[in-house]
């Protein structure tokens, strides 16, 4: 079942990552998330925990409001 909110979140993560010139692999490393799992997040395939959202925000140095 596809959830448009997860897809939108993943799209915003990808846009923020690319705007900072960070590879998906590097972001995964910075956020302590498996690289393949990060790909799932960016495609909106995983419903992640709030802790992971904050880990991604910290790694990207963005406020959570930019991704949610």
N, C-alpha and C. Protein backbone atom coordinates (compact mmCIF):
# COMPACT_ATOMS: atom_id res chain seq x y z
N UNK A 1 0.84 -1.19 0.00
CA UNK A 1 0.00 0.00 0.00
C UNK A 1 0.88 1.25 0.00
N UNK A 2 0.67 2.10 -0.94
CA UNK A 2 1.47 3.31 -1.08
C UNK A 2 0.86 4.44 -0.25
N UNK A 3 1.70 5.11 0.50
CA UNK A 3 1.26 6.26 1.28
C UNK A 3 1.96 7.49 0.71
N UNK A 4 1.18 8.39 0.19
CA UNK A 4 1.73 9.59 -0.46
C UNK A 4 2.57 10.42 0.49
N UNK A 5 2.27 10.38 1.79
CA UNK A 5 3.05 11.15 2.76
C UNK A 5 4.47 10.60 2.87
N UNK A 6 4.61 9.29 2.83
CA UNK A 6 5.95 8.70 2.90
C UNK A 6 6.73 9.00 1.63
N UNK A 7 6.05 8.98 0.51
CA UNK A 7 6.69 9.31 -0.77
C UNK A 7 7.16 10.76 -0.76
N UNK A 8 6.30 11.65 -0.27
CA UNK A 8 6.65 13.07 -0.21
C UNK A 8 7.84 13.30 0.74
N UNK A 9 7.83 12.62 1.88
CA UNK A 9 8.95 12.74 2.82
C UNK A 9 10.24 12.28 2.15
N UNK A 10 10.20 11.14 1.52
CA UNK A 10 11.39 10.61 0.85
C UNK A 10 11.89 11.55 -0.23
N UNK A 11 10.98 12.14 -0.96
CA UNK A 11 11.36 13.09 -2.01
C UNK A 11 12.07 14.31 -1.40
N UNK A 12 11.55 14.79 -0.27
CA UNK A 12 12.18 15.94 0.38
C UNK A 12 13.56 15.58 0.94
N UNK A 13 13.71 14.37 1.46
CA UNK A 13 15.02 13.92 1.93
C UNK A 13 15.99 13.92 0.75
N UNK A 14 15.58 13.33 -0.36
CA UNK A 14 16.44 13.26 -1.55
C UNK A 14 16.83 14.65 -2.04
N UNK A 15 15.85 15.56 -2.10
CA UNK A 15 16.12 16.93 -2.56
C UNK A 15 17.11 17.63 -1.64
N UNK A 16 16.92 17.50 -0.33
CA UNK A 16 17.82 18.13 0.64
C UNK A 16 19.23 17.54 0.52
N UNK A 17 19.29 16.23 0.38
CA UNK A 17 20.58 15.55 0.25
C UNK A 17 21.32 16.03 -1.00
N UNK A 18 20.62 16.05 -2.12
CA UNK A 18 21.25 16.45 -3.38
C UNK A 18 21.65 17.92 -3.36
N UNK A 19 20.83 18.76 -2.74
CA UNK A 19 21.15 20.19 -2.70
C UNK A 19 22.43 20.45 -1.90
N UNK A 20 22.77 19.53 -1.01
CA UNK A 20 23.98 19.66 -0.21
C UNK A 20 25.15 18.87 -0.81
N UNK A 21 24.91 18.22 -1.94
CA UNK A 21 25.97 17.49 -2.62
C UNK A 21 26.42 16.25 -1.88
N UNK A 22 25.50 15.62 -1.16
CA UNK A 22 25.81 14.43 -0.37
C UNK A 22 25.28 13.20 -1.10
N UNK A 23 26.11 12.18 -1.21
CA UNK A 23 25.64 10.94 -1.83
C UNK A 23 24.70 10.22 -0.87
N UNK A 24 23.89 9.36 -1.43
CA UNK A 24 22.97 8.57 -0.60
C UNK A 24 23.76 7.71 0.38
N UNK A 25 24.85 7.14 -0.09
CA UNK A 25 25.68 6.31 0.77
C UNK A 25 26.26 7.12 1.93
N UNK A 26 26.73 8.32 1.65
CA UNK A 26 27.30 9.17 2.69
C UNK A 26 26.24 9.59 3.70
N UNK A 27 25.05 9.96 3.23
CA UNK A 27 23.97 10.34 4.15
C UNK A 27 23.62 9.17 5.05
N UNK A 28 23.53 8.00 4.48
CA UNK A 28 23.23 6.81 5.28
C UNK A 28 24.28 6.62 6.37
N UNK A 29 25.52 6.81 6.01
CA UNK A 29 26.61 6.68 6.98
C UNK A 29 26.49 7.75 8.07
N UNK A 30 26.23 8.97 7.67
CA UNK A 30 26.12 10.08 8.62
C UNK A 30 24.95 9.90 9.59
N UNK A 31 23.87 9.29 9.10
CA UNK A 31 22.66 9.10 9.92
C UNK A 31 22.63 7.74 10.59
N UNK A 32 23.68 6.95 10.38
CA UNK A 32 23.78 5.59 10.95
C UNK A 32 22.59 4.72 10.51
N UNK A 33 22.35 4.76 9.18
CA UNK A 33 21.28 3.99 8.56
C UNK A 33 21.91 3.17 7.44
N UNK A 34 21.47 1.95 7.27
CA UNK A 34 21.98 1.12 6.17
C UNK A 34 21.68 1.80 4.84
N UNK A 35 22.64 1.72 3.90
CA UNK A 35 22.48 2.40 2.62
C UNK A 35 21.24 1.95 1.86
N UNK A 36 20.98 0.66 1.84
CA UNK A 36 19.80 0.18 1.10
C UNK A 36 18.52 0.65 1.78
N UNK A 37 18.53 0.74 3.10
CA UNK A 37 17.37 1.24 3.84
C UNK A 37 17.14 2.71 3.51
N UNK A 38 18.22 3.48 3.35
CA UNK A 38 18.10 4.89 2.98
C UNK A 38 17.43 5.00 1.62
N UNK A 39 17.78 4.12 0.70
CA UNK A 39 17.12 4.12 -0.61
C UNK A 39 15.63 3.86 -0.47
N UNK A 40 15.28 2.93 0.41
CA UNK A 40 13.86 2.65 0.66
C UNK A 40 13.15 3.88 1.22
N UNK A 41 13.82 4.59 2.10
CA UNK A 41 13.23 5.81 2.69
C UNK A 41 13.00 6.84 1.60
N UNK A 42 14.01 7.07 0.77
CA UNK A 42 13.88 8.08 -0.28
C UNK A 42 12.81 7.73 -1.30
N UNK A 43 12.54 6.47 -1.48
CA UNK A 43 11.49 6.05 -2.41
C UNK A 43 10.12 5.97 -1.73
N UNK A 44 10.08 6.25 -0.44
CA UNK A 44 8.81 6.22 0.29
C UNK A 44 8.32 4.81 0.57
N UNK A 45 9.23 3.86 0.62
CA UNK A 45 8.85 2.46 0.80
C UNK A 45 8.88 2.01 2.27
N UNK A 46 9.46 2.84 3.14
CA UNK A 46 9.58 2.46 4.55
C UNK A 46 8.91 3.51 5.43
N UNK A 47 8.16 3.03 6.40
CA UNK A 47 7.56 3.89 7.42
C UNK A 47 8.54 3.92 8.59
N UNK A 48 9.34 4.96 8.65
CA UNK A 48 10.44 4.99 9.60
C UNK A 48 10.02 5.61 10.93
N UNK A 49 10.85 5.38 11.95
CA UNK A 49 10.57 5.92 13.27
C UNK A 49 10.91 7.40 13.32
N UNK A 50 10.35 8.07 14.30
CA UNK A 50 10.66 9.48 14.51
C UNK A 50 12.14 9.66 14.82
N UNK A 51 12.74 8.73 15.52
CA UNK A 51 14.18 8.78 15.82
C UNK A 51 14.98 8.82 14.53
N UNK A 52 14.61 7.99 13.55
CA UNK A 52 15.33 7.99 12.27
C UNK A 52 15.12 9.31 11.53
N UNK A 53 13.93 9.88 11.63
CA UNK A 53 13.68 11.19 11.00
C UNK A 53 14.65 12.22 11.58
N UNK A 54 14.77 12.23 12.90
CA UNK A 54 15.69 13.18 13.54
C UNK A 54 17.15 12.88 13.19
N UNK A 55 17.51 11.62 13.07
CA UNK A 55 18.87 11.27 12.66
C UNK A 55 19.17 11.82 11.27
N UNK A 56 18.21 11.71 10.37
CA UNK A 56 18.38 12.23 9.01
C UNK A 56 18.47 13.76 9.05
N UNK A 57 17.60 14.39 9.83
CA UNK A 57 17.64 15.86 9.95
C UNK A 57 18.98 16.33 10.49
N UNK A 58 19.48 15.65 11.52
CA UNK A 58 20.77 16.01 12.09
C UNK A 58 21.88 15.85 11.06
N UNK A 59 21.86 14.78 10.32
CA UNK A 59 22.89 14.53 9.30
C UNK A 59 22.85 15.59 8.20
N UNK A 60 21.64 15.99 7.82
CA UNK A 60 21.50 17.00 6.76
C UNK A 60 21.60 18.42 7.29
N UNK A 61 21.58 18.56 8.63
CA UNK A 61 21.59 19.88 9.27
C UNK A 61 20.40 20.72 8.81
N UNK A 62 19.21 20.09 8.86
CA UNK A 62 17.97 20.78 8.52
C UNK A 62 16.98 20.61 9.67
N UNK A 63 16.05 21.54 9.76
CA UNK A 63 14.98 21.44 10.74
C UNK A 63 13.97 20.42 10.25
N UNK A 64 13.39 19.70 11.18
CA UNK A 64 12.43 18.65 10.82
C UNK A 64 11.29 19.19 9.97
N UNK A 65 10.94 20.47 10.16
CA UNK A 65 9.85 21.08 9.38
C UNK A 65 10.14 21.10 7.88
N UNK A 66 11.42 21.07 7.52
CA UNK A 66 11.78 21.07 6.10
C UNK A 66 11.48 19.72 5.44
N UNK A 67 11.43 18.67 6.22
CA UNK A 67 11.23 17.33 5.65
C UNK A 67 9.81 16.80 5.84
N UNK A 68 9.11 17.30 6.84
CA UNK A 68 7.77 16.78 7.14
C UNK A 68 6.69 17.51 6.37
